[in-house]
């Protein structure tokens, strides 16, 4: 008996020695999340150069952003479920590999359609990668204060990736060319891929059921067609057939997705999960927040370049304070959660962001940097960082262990789906106000209306959070 106990102790000690340190797991998962979110925003400052080089029109530029976002949002639930069933590390490696290869293809694109195809492939890789990052992280860190800090770090790095996109993209466009905003992912992705292969632990949950591919295809097609219909309103108006047909078709496809999910034996998104208050409320809040925050970088960089005359690098540098603010907000969030709870923290962060959006809506053609970009940008991103951590923590806490990857994917899906549809709506709002004019005065009026609309959405979101979010992080 003594010999058997000694052998068990030796085996346990060997496993502990072979397990990678927690900080390394957190660092690798955060690096994957950074790449995913960086590519949502890094192309913004490169859009004018892409237009010139590849002959893209206004809708083409919008789809450089949306092709990535819609593929990302539409397949993320599938990616999260695949991680639960077939291994989170395996999906991390597959997703990062796809993302890196697609980045290479986009950087070498010689025509607009090639770039859009590469961006969609990037989004597909990101959809497999992103849920694995959060699920691996939460599995490696025990629940409690340590996990809250780890999620805050993940949130800060992800938000910092979105914020840093302007700076990184501006520097690469000015020094090299727009192609390098995509090609830079290749060496970075290769390094993270090697580190993940060597040090990330493998985990999975649940049985090896078949993946719900029809559900994923219906969700992605519905989102894409719906976003296309919204984008058509800019040129054709809301009542034209070119607008109404895709809008109706998109809604029908999403309705079919819900029907499939209610009847399939292994649904991509079990509808019963949405009856969990923490999951449903946090995801609706993420959707509303994402629909506005996603647009902030797009319109801020366009305002800086098209109205204030900044170069791509100057536009990126102008948003550095915002990048630091979102990281600060994410790191302060766990302390606020302990002091006033996650619900109040999320609502407070959203209200702070709304103040920033309201300030930004007063922009002018000749406004100075301090009041036109820096201070409102800090407020917007400080609030975003403060709100995202409690929302992610609430959503994940409402999931059973076997559904952690699914809920992780759902969180990212809600934010990104909100962002892609929000960008389509906000672009239409801006275009309707400018009425086809590209003068600085007309563009300023369009951008200002976008930020006023965002202010209203965020204020409504803050009220909704106070009324609906649970008071505490739950334990499933």
Protein backbone atom coordinates (compact mmCIF):
# COMPACT_ATOMS: atom_id res chain seq x y z
CA UNK A 1 0.00 0.00 0.00
CA UNK A 2 2.83 2.38 0.92
CA UNK A 3 4.52 1.67 -2.39
CA UNK A 4 1.32 2.42 -4.30
CA UNK A 5 0.84 5.72 -2.47
CA UNK A 6 4.43 6.72 -3.16
CA UNK A 7 3.96 5.89 -6.85
CA UNK A 8 0.77 8.00 -6.98
CA UNK A 9 2.54 10.91 -5.31
CA UNK A 10 5.41 10.62 -7.77
CA UNK A 11 3.03 10.63 -10.75
CA UNK A 12 1.15 13.63 -9.37
CA UNK A 13 4.39 15.55 -8.82
CA UNK A 14 5.51 14.70 -12.35
CA UNK A 15 2.26 16.10 -13.80
CA UNK A 16 2.62 19.29 -11.76
CA UNK A 17 6.20 19.73 -12.97
CA UNK A 18 5.14 19.25 -16.59
CA UNK A 19 2.23 21.69 -16.37
CA UNK A 20 3.12 25.08 -17.85
CA UNK A 21 3.10 28.04 -15.44
CA UNK A 22 -0.19 29.91 -15.33
CA UNK A 23 1.39 33.18 -16.44
CA UNK A 24 2.64 31.51 -19.64
CA UNK A 25 -0.83 30.13 -20.45
CA UNK A 26 -2.33 33.58 -19.84
CA UNK A 27 0.34 35.22 -22.01
CA UNK A 28 -0.20 32.86 -24.96
CA UNK A 29 -3.99 33.06 -24.88
CA UNK A 30 -3.84 36.84 -24.61
CA UNK A 31 -1.44 36.97 -27.56
CA UNK A 32 -3.97 35.02 -29.65
CA UNK A 33 -6.78 37.34 -28.58
CA UNK A 34 -4.62 40.40 -29.34
CA UNK A 35 -4.10 39.28 -32.94
CA UNK A 36 -7.81 38.57 -33.41
CA UNK A 37 -8.98 41.96 -32.15
CA UNK A 38 -6.11 43.87 -33.72
CA UNK A 39 -7.27 42.83 -37.15
CA UNK A 40 -10.74 44.22 -36.55
CA UNK A 41 -9.30 47.74 -36.40
CA UNK A 42 -5.81 47.67 -37.92
CA UNK A 43 -7.11 48.07 -41.46
CA UNK A 44 -9.01 51.29 -40.71
CA UNK A 45 -6.11 53.68 -41.29
CA UNK A 46 -5.10 51.68 -44.37
CA UNK A 47 -8.50 52.02 -46.08
CA UNK A 48 -7.62 55.13 -48.15
CA UNK A 49 -4.45 53.41 -49.41
CA UNK A 50 -6.40 50.23 -50.23
CA UNK A 51 -8.93 52.29 -52.16
CA UNK A 52 -6.18 53.86 -54.27
CA UNK A 53 -4.24 50.66 -54.90
CA UNK A 54 -7.10 48.23 -55.54
CA UNK A 55 -9.79 50.61 -56.82
CA UNK A 56 -12.29 49.90 -54.04
CA UNK A 57 -15.42 52.04 -53.68
CA UNK A 58 -17.12 53.16 -50.47
CA UNK A 59 -19.02 49.88 -50.09
CA UNK A 60 -15.86 47.94 -50.87
CA UNK A 61 -14.05 49.71 -48.05
CA UNK A 62 -16.88 48.95 -45.65
CA UNK A 63 -16.69 45.26 -46.62
CA UNK A 64 -12.95 45.13 -45.98
CA UNK A 65 -14.00 45.55 -42.35
CA UNK A 66 -17.28 43.63 -42.48
CA UNK A 67 -16.03 40.56 -44.38
CA UNK A 68 -13.79 39.86 -41.42
CA UNK A 69 -16.33 40.79 -38.75
CA UNK A 70 -19.24 38.79 -40.19
CA UNK A 71 -17.23 35.59 -40.76
CA UNK A 72 -15.80 36.08 -37.27
CA UNK A 73 -19.21 36.51 -35.64
CA UNK A 74 -21.04 33.91 -37.72
CA UNK A 75 -18.67 30.99 -37.08
CA UNK A 76 -17.59 31.78 -33.52
CA UNK A 77 -20.28 29.64 -31.92
CA UNK A 78 -19.09 26.74 -34.09
CA UNK A 79 -15.51 27.44 -33.03
CA UNK A 80 -16.45 27.51 -29.36
CA UNK A 81 -18.37 24.24 -29.56
CA UNK A 82 -15.55 22.58 -31.54
CA UNK A 83 -13.14 23.51 -28.75
CA UNK A 84 -15.40 21.92 -26.13
CA UNK A 85 -15.75 18.68 -28.11
CA UNK A 86 -12.42 18.22 -29.87
CA UNK A 87 -9.94 20.09 -27.68
CA UNK A 88 -9.34 23.79 -26.98
CA UNK A 89 -5.61 23.65 -27.74
CA UNK A 90 -6.28 21.87 -31.03
CA UNK A 91 -8.77 24.56 -32.08
CA UNK A 92 -6.37 27.29 -30.95
CA UNK A 93 -3.67 25.87 -33.24
CA UNK A 94 -6.04 25.32 -36.19
CA UNK A 95 -7.59 28.77 -35.88
CA UNK A 96 -4.24 30.55 -35.54
CA UNK A 97 -2.85 28.62 -38.51
CA UNK A 98 -5.82 29.58 -40.71
CA UNK A 99 -5.60 33.19 -39.54
CA UNK A 100 -1.88 33.41 -40.33
CA UNK A 101 -2.20 31.90 -43.81
CA UNK A 102 -5.16 34.15 -44.65
CA UNK A 103 -3.14 37.18 -43.53
CA UNK A 104 -0.45 36.19 -46.00
CA UNK A 105 -3.03 35.89 -48.78
CA UNK A 106 -4.55 39.30 -47.97
CA UNK A 107 -1.16 40.99 -47.91
CA UNK A 108 -0.39 39.62 -51.38
CA UNK A 109 -3.84 40.40 -52.88
CA UNK A 110 -3.78 42.01 -56.34
CA UNK A 111 -7.50 42.72 -56.67
CA UNK A 112 -10.34 43.84 -54.42
CA UNK A 113 -12.14 40.48 -54.42
CA UNK A 114 -8.95 38.71 -53.38
CA UNK A 115 -8.57 41.03 -50.41
CA UNK A 116 -12.21 40.54 -49.35
CA UNK A 117 -11.87 36.74 -49.65
CA UNK A 118 -8.72 36.80 -47.52
CA UNK A 119 -10.42 38.98 -44.92
CA UNK A 120 -13.33 36.51 -44.72
CA UNK A 121 -10.84 33.64 -44.31
CA UNK A 122 -9.11 35.62 -41.57
CA UNK A 123 -12.44 35.99 -39.83
CA UNK A 124 -13.08 32.24 -40.07
CA UNK A 125 -9.70 31.51 -38.48
CA UNK A 126 -10.38 34.09 -35.78
CA UNK A 127 -13.76 32.48 -35.07
CA UNK A 128 -12.03 29.18 -34.27
CA UNK A 129 -9.22 30.85 -32.31
CA UNK A 130 -11.01 33.43 -30.16
CA UNK A 131 -13.31 31.18 -28.05
CA UNK A 132 -10.36 28.88 -27.29
CA UNK A 133 -8.35 31.78 -25.85
CA UNK A 134 -10.89 32.59 -23.13
CA UNK A 135 -11.78 28.96 -22.39
CA UNK A 136 -8.15 27.85 -22.01
CA UNK A 137 -7.50 30.83 -19.76
CA UNK A 138 -10.49 30.21 -17.46
CA UNK A 139 -9.66 26.48 -17.27
CA UNK A 140 -6.08 27.28 -16.21
CA UNK A 141 -6.99 29.81 -13.49
CA UNK A 142 -9.17 28.84 -10.48
CA UNK A 143 -12.41 30.75 -9.97
CA UNK A 144 -12.22 33.79 -7.71
CA UNK A 145 -10.04 36.89 -7.60
CA UNK A 146 -7.28 35.27 -9.65
CA UNK A 147 -9.65 34.42 -12.48
CA UNK A 148 -11.15 37.92 -12.40
CA UNK A 149 -7.65 39.36 -12.79
CA UNK A 150 -6.87 36.93 -15.63
CA UNK A 151 -10.10 37.82 -17.46
CA UNK A 152 -9.30 41.50 -16.91
CA UNK A 153 -5.88 40.95 -18.49
CA UNK A 154 -7.49 39.11 -21.42
CA UNK A 155 -10.00 41.94 -21.81
CA UNK A 156 -7.30 44.60 -21.58
CA UNK A 157 -5.11 42.89 -24.16
CA UNK A 158 -8.06 42.35 -26.49
CA UNK A 159 -9.26 45.91 -26.09
CA UNK A 160 -5.70 47.13 -26.44
CA UNK A 161 -5.48 45.20 -29.71
CA UNK A 162 -8.46 47.09 -31.04
CA UNK A 163 -7.09 50.37 -29.77
CA UNK A 164 -3.53 49.73 -30.98
CA UNK A 165 -4.77 48.90 -34.47
CA UNK A 166 -4.74 52.55 -35.49
CA UNK A 167 -1.16 53.11 -34.32
CA UNK A 168 0.21 49.86 -35.72
CA UNK A 169 -1.64 50.28 -39.01
CA UNK A 170 -0.63 53.93 -39.36
CA UNK A 171 3.03 53.19 -38.76
CA UNK A 172 3.07 50.27 -41.22
CA UNK A 173 1.23 52.20 -43.95
CA UNK A 174 3.50 55.24 -43.62
CA UNK A 175 6.78 53.34 -43.39
CA UNK A 176 6.05 50.36 -45.66
CA UNK A 177 2.62 49.95 -47.33
CA UNK A 178 -0.95 48.95 -46.54
CA UNK A 179 -0.04 45.33 -47.28
CA UNK A 180 1.99 45.12 -44.10
CA UNK A 181 -1.05 45.64 -41.87
CA UNK A 182 -1.83 42.05 -42.90
CA UNK A 183 1.65 40.62 -43.53
CA UNK A 184 2.83 41.55 -40.02
CA UNK A 185 0.54 38.81 -38.69
CA UNK A 186 2.61 36.13 -40.39
CA UNK A 187 5.81 36.24 -38.26
CA UNK A 188 3.89 37.10 -35.09
CA UNK A 189 1.39 34.30 -35.70
CA UNK A 190 4.20 31.82 -36.33
CA UNK A 191 5.87 32.66 -33.00
CA UNK A 192 2.60 32.35 -31.03
CA UNK A 193 1.80 29.11 -32.89
CA UNK A 194 5.11 27.58 -31.83
CA UNK A 195 4.66 28.68 -28.21
CA UNK A 196 1.12 27.30 -28.10
CA UNK A 197 2.25 23.99 -29.59
CA UNK A 198 4.92 23.61 -26.90
CA UNK A 199 3.22 24.96 -23.77
CA UNK A 200 -0.56 25.21 -23.93
CA UNK A 201 -2.43 22.44 -22.07
CA UNK A 202 -5.15 20.47 -23.83
CA UNK A 203 -8.67 20.26 -22.45
CA UNK A 204 -12.12 19.38 -23.68
CA UNK A 205 -15.60 18.84 -22.29
CA UNK A 206 -18.60 16.83 -23.39
CA UNK A 207 -18.96 13.93 -25.81
CA UNK A 208 -17.87 13.89 -29.43
CA UNK A 209 -21.16 14.90 -30.98
CA UNK A 210 -21.36 16.15 -34.52
CA UNK A 211 -20.99 19.89 -34.98
CA UNK A 212 -24.04 21.82 -36.08
CA UNK A 213 -22.69 22.98 -39.44
CA UNK A 214 -26.15 23.88 -40.88
CA UNK A 215 -26.72 26.18 -37.91
CA UNK A 216 -23.35 27.90 -38.43
CA UNK A 217 -23.99 28.40 -42.15
CA UNK A 218 -27.49 29.79 -41.55
CA UNK A 219 -26.25 32.21 -38.86
CA UNK A 220 -23.36 33.46 -40.99
CA UNK A 221 -25.42 33.76 -44.18
CA UNK A 222 -28.20 35.56 -42.30
CA UNK A 223 -25.79 38.08 -40.78
CA UNK A 224 -23.98 38.68 -44.06
CA UNK A 225 -27.16 39.20 -46.09
CA UNK A 226 -28.66 41.42 -43.39
CA UNK A 227 -25.53 43.59 -43.24
CA UNK A 228 -25.52 43.80 -47.05
CA UNK A 229 -29.14 44.94 -47.04
CA UNK A 230 -28.38 47.64 -44.48
CA UNK A 231 -25.40 48.83 -46.53
CA UNK A 232 -27.64 49.09 -49.63
CA UNK A 233 -29.77 51.75 -47.93
CA UNK A 234 -26.93 54.21 -48.51
CA UNK A 235 -27.37 54.08 -52.29
CA UNK A 236 -30.93 52.83 -52.81
CA UNK A 237 -32.87 53.94 -49.73
CA UNK A 238 -34.89 51.84 -47.28
CA UNK A 239 -37.87 51.14 -49.55
CA UNK A 240 -36.03 49.98 -52.70
CA UNK A 241 -36.12 46.31 -53.71
CA UNK A 242 -32.30 46.20 -53.60
CA UNK A 243 -32.59 46.94 -49.88
CA UNK A 244 -35.78 45.15 -48.86
CA UNK A 245 -34.99 41.80 -50.50
CA UNK A 246 -31.69 41.19 -48.66
CA UNK A 247 -33.13 42.56 -45.41
CA UNK A 248 -36.08 40.17 -45.53
CA UNK A 249 -33.90 37.27 -46.69
CA UNK A 250 -31.43 37.91 -43.88
CA UNK A 251 -34.20 37.87 -41.27
CA UNK A 252 -35.64 34.67 -42.78
CA UNK A 253 -32.25 32.95 -42.61
CA UNK A 254 -31.81 33.97 -38.96
CA UNK A 255 -35.33 32.70 -38.20
CA UNK A 256 -34.44 29.38 -39.86
CA UNK A 257 -31.32 29.27 -37.68
CA UNK A 258 -33.51 29.49 -34.57
CA UNK A 259 -35.79 26.74 -35.91
CA UNK A 260 -32.82 24.45 -36.62
CA UNK A 261 -31.38 25.10 -33.16
CA UNK A 262 -34.69 24.20 -31.50
CA UNK A 263 -34.94 20.86 -33.32
CA UNK A 264 -31.43 19.49 -33.78
CA UNK A 265 -30.07 16.92 -31.32
CA UNK A 266 -26.76 18.75 -30.94
CA UNK A 267 -27.51 22.45 -31.45
CA UNK A 268 -24.79 24.96 -32.07
CA UNK A 269 -26.50 27.28 -29.58
CA UNK A 270 -28.82 25.51 -27.13
CA UNK A 271 -31.72 27.94 -26.80
CA UNK A 272 -32.23 26.85 -23.19
CA UNK A 273 -28.90 28.53 -22.41
CA UNK A 274 -30.48 31.89 -23.17
CA UNK A 275 -32.90 31.33 -20.28
CA UNK A 276 -29.93 31.70 -17.91
CA UNK A 277 -30.17 35.34 -16.83
CA UNK A 278 -26.41 35.92 -16.60
CA UNK A 279 -25.83 34.57 -20.12
CA UNK A 280 -28.72 36.31 -21.89
CA UNK A 281 -28.39 39.71 -20.20
CA UNK A 282 -24.61 39.90 -20.57
CA UNK A 283 -24.77 38.96 -24.24
CA UNK A 284 -27.47 41.52 -25.05
CA UNK A 285 -25.34 44.13 -23.27
CA UNK A 286 -22.30 43.01 -25.26
CA UNK A 287 -24.28 43.31 -28.50
CA UNK A 288 -25.39 46.87 -27.76
CA UNK A 289 -21.93 47.94 -26.60
CA UNK A 290 -20.24 46.32 -29.59
CA UNK A 291 -22.63 47.96 -32.06
CA UNK A 292 -21.30 51.35 -30.96
CA UNK A 293 -17.72 50.72 -29.83
CA UNK A 294 -16.81 48.88 -33.03
CA UNK A 295 -17.68 52.01 -35.01
CA UNK A 296 -15.62 54.34 -32.85
CA UNK A 297 -12.24 53.40 -34.36
CA UNK A 298 -13.62 53.37 -37.90
CA UNK A 299 -15.08 56.89 -37.75
CA UNK A 300 -12.36 58.40 -35.56
CA UNK A 301 -9.65 57.42 -38.04
CA UNK A 302 -11.74 58.63 -41.00
CA UNK A 303 -12.38 61.94 -39.22
CA UNK A 304 -8.68 62.39 -38.44
CA UNK A 305 -7.60 61.71 -42.04
CA UNK A 306 -10.49 63.01 -44.15
CA UNK A 307 -11.35 66.13 -42.13
CA UNK A 308 -8.33 67.08 -40.01
CA UNK A 309 -5.81 66.05 -42.68
CA UNK A 310 -3.77 63.64 -40.53
CA UNK A 311 -1.45 61.12 -42.16
CA UNK A 312 -2.07 57.42 -41.38
CA UNK A 313 0.73 57.48 -38.78
CA UNK A 314 -0.53 60.71 -37.21
CA UNK A 315 -4.04 59.24 -37.04
CA UNK A 316 -2.68 56.18 -35.26
CA UNK A 317 -0.63 58.27 -32.83
CA UNK A 318 -3.68 60.41 -32.09
CA UNK A 319 -5.43 57.36 -30.65
CA UNK A 320 -2.58 56.22 -28.38
CA UNK A 321 -4.15 57.84 -25.26
CA UNK A 322 -7.35 55.94 -26.03
CA UNK A 323 -5.34 52.71 -26.27
CA UNK A 324 -3.89 53.32 -22.81
CA UNK A 325 -7.30 54.27 -21.41
CA UNK A 326 -8.97 51.01 -22.48
CA UNK A 327 -6.19 49.01 -20.83
CA UNK A 328 -6.52 51.10 -17.66
CA UNK A 329 -10.27 50.59 -17.58
CA UNK A 330 -9.87 46.82 -17.97
CA UNK A 331 -7.35 46.61 -15.14
CA UNK A 332 -9.42 48.80 -12.78
CA UNK A 333 -12.59 46.78 -13.46
CA UNK A 334 -11.87 43.88 -11.02
CA UNK A 335 -11.44 46.35 -8.14
CA UNK A 336 -14.70 48.05 -9.03
CA UNK A 337 -16.40 44.67 -9.25
CA UNK A 338 -15.31 43.84 -5.70
CA UNK A 339 -16.42 47.25 -4.44
CA UNK A 340 -19.81 47.75 -6.14
CA UNK A 341 -20.47 44.50 -8.01
CA UNK A 342 -20.29 43.56 -11.70
CA UNK A 343 -23.69 45.00 -12.61
CA UNK A 344 -22.94 48.53 -11.38
CA UNK A 345 -19.40 48.35 -12.82
CA UNK A 346 -20.72 47.48 -16.28
CA UNK A 347 -23.36 50.23 -16.18
CA UNK A 348 -20.86 52.79 -14.87
CA UNK A 349 -18.38 51.97 -17.63
CA UNK A 350 -21.09 52.25 -20.27
CA UNK A 351 -22.19 55.63 -18.88
CA UNK A 352 -18.59 56.92 -18.99
CA UNK A 353 -18.33 55.79 -22.62
CA UNK A 354 -21.62 57.57 -23.38
CA UNK A 355 -20.16 60.83 -22.03
CA UNK A 356 -17.21 60.38 -24.40
CA UNK A 357 -19.50 59.74 -27.35
CA UNK A 358 -21.56 62.79 -26.49
CA UNK A 359 -18.44 64.93 -26.36
CA UNK A 360 -17.19 63.48 -29.65
CA UNK A 361 -20.50 64.40 -31.31
CA UNK A 362 -19.55 68.09 -30.96
CA UNK A 363 -16.61 67.68 -33.37
CA UNK A 364 -15.83 70.47 -35.84
CA UNK A 365 -13.83 70.92 -39.03
CA UNK A 366 -11.15 73.00 -37.28
CA UNK A 367 -11.27 71.47 -33.78
CA UNK A 368 -7.96 71.07 -31.87
CA UNK A 369 -6.61 67.61 -31.12
CA UNK A 370 -7.07 67.88 -27.36
CA UNK A 371 -10.85 68.37 -27.46
CA UNK A 372 -11.60 66.76 -30.84
CA UNK A 373 -9.91 63.39 -30.33
CA UNK A 374 -7.86 62.95 -27.16
CA UNK A 375 -10.26 63.66 -24.25
CA UNK A 376 -13.42 62.14 -25.78
CA UNK A 377 -11.40 59.16 -27.01
CA UNK A 378 -10.06 58.55 -23.49
CA UNK A 379 -13.56 58.67 -22.02
CA UNK A 380 -14.99 56.33 -24.66
CA UNK A 381 -12.30 53.70 -24.23
CA UNK A 382 -11.96 54.01 -20.46
CA UNK A 383 -15.66 53.21 -20.24
CA UNK A 384 -15.37 50.35 -22.73
CA UNK A 385 -12.57 48.72 -20.76
CA UNK A 386 -14.45 49.15 -17.49
CA UNK A 387 -17.64 47.56 -18.87
CA UNK A 388 -16.30 44.57 -20.81
CA UNK A 389 -14.65 42.66 -17.96
CA UNK A 390 -17.77 42.33 -15.75
CA UNK A 391 -19.92 41.43 -18.76
CA UNK A 392 -17.53 38.64 -19.79
CA UNK A 393 -17.26 37.39 -16.20
CA UNK A 394 -21.05 37.32 -15.76
CA UNK A 395 -21.63 35.46 -19.01
CA UNK A 396 -18.97 32.80 -18.36
CA UNK A 397 -20.14 32.31 -14.75
CA UNK A 398 -23.59 31.29 -15.98
CA UNK A 399 -22.24 28.38 -18.04
CA UNK A 400 -21.79 24.75 -17.09
CA UNK A 401 -18.20 23.46 -17.52
CA UNK A 402 -19.13 21.58 -20.69
CA UNK A 403 -20.52 24.76 -22.24
CA UNK A 404 -17.69 27.15 -21.35
CA UNK A 405 -16.32 27.25 -24.89
CA UNK A 406 -19.80 27.76 -26.32
CA UNK A 407 -20.54 30.69 -24.00
CA UNK A 408 -17.09 32.15 -24.67
CA UNK A 409 -17.89 32.03 -28.37
CA UNK A 410 -21.31 33.53 -27.71
CA UNK A 411 -19.78 36.49 -25.82
CA UNK A 412 -17.41 37.25 -28.68
CA UNK A 413 -20.17 36.64 -31.22
CA UNK A 414 -22.51 39.11 -29.56
CA UNK A 415 -19.87 41.83 -29.47
CA UNK A 416 -18.66 41.26 -33.03
CA UNK A 417 -22.13 40.69 -34.52
CA UNK A 418 -23.25 43.92 -32.89
CA UNK A 419 -20.19 45.62 -34.31
CA UNK A 420 -20.66 44.44 -37.89
CA UNK A 421 -24.35 45.32 -38.01
CA UNK A 422 -23.70 48.55 -36.10
CA UNK A 423 -21.06 49.59 -38.63
CA UNK A 424 -23.48 48.97 -41.50
CA UNK A 425 -26.17 51.05 -39.78
CA UNK A 426 -23.85 53.86 -38.73
CA UNK A 427 -22.26 54.08 -42.18
CA UNK A 428 -25.74 54.46 -43.64
CA UNK A 429 -26.59 57.18 -41.10
CA UNK A 430 -23.41 59.10 -41.94
CA UNK A 431 -23.97 58.75 -45.69
CA UNK A 432 -27.58 59.92 -45.41
CA UNK A 433 -26.47 63.08 -43.63
CA UNK A 434 -23.66 63.89 -46.12
CA UNK A 435 -25.93 63.22 -49.15
CA UNK A 436 -22.98 62.19 -51.32
CA UNK A 437 -20.83 65.21 -50.50
CA UNK A 438 -17.20 64.57 -49.48
CA UNK A 439 -16.35 68.08 -48.29
CA UNK A 440 -14.87 68.32 -44.76
CA UNK A 441 -17.99 70.15 -43.57
CA UNK A 442 -20.38 67.47 -44.87
CA UNK A 443 -18.25 64.61 -43.55
CA UNK A 444 -18.06 66.27 -40.14
CA UNK A 445 -21.85 66.49 -39.96
CA UNK A 446 -22.17 62.82 -40.85
CA UNK A 447 -19.59 61.71 -38.28
CA UNK A 448 -21.18 63.90 -35.59
CA UNK A 449 -24.57 62.26 -36.18
CA UNK A 450 -22.98 58.85 -35.78
CA UNK A 451 -21.57 59.78 -32.37
CA UNK A 452 -24.88 61.31 -31.26
CA UNK A 453 -26.64 58.09 -32.20
CA UNK A 454 -24.02 56.08 -30.31
CA UNK A 455 -24.58 58.22 -27.22
CA UNK A 456 -28.26 57.33 -27.18
CA UNK A 457 -27.57 53.61 -27.65
CA UNK A 458 -25.06 53.55 -24.79
CA UNK A 459 -27.33 55.42 -22.39
CA UNK A 460 -30.12 52.96 -23.14
CA UNK A 461 -27.64 50.10 -22.65
CA UNK A 462 -26.58 51.41 -19.23
CA UNK A 463 -30.19 51.51 -18.05
CA UNK A 464 -30.79 47.99 -19.41
CA UNK A 465 -27.74 46.68 -17.52
CA UNK A 466 -28.96 48.10 -14.22
CA UNK A 467 -32.38 46.53 -14.70
CA UNK A 468 -31.42 43.12 -16.11
CA UNK A 469 -27.89 42.04 -15.19
CA UNK A 470 -27.61 39.86 -12.05
CA UNK A 471 -26.03 41.47 -9.01
CA UNK A 472 -23.27 38.90 -8.56
CA UNK A 473 -21.09 36.59 -10.62
CA UNK A 474 -22.82 33.22 -10.41
CA UNK A 475 -21.36 29.77 -10.00
CA UNK A 476 -22.91 27.26 -12.40
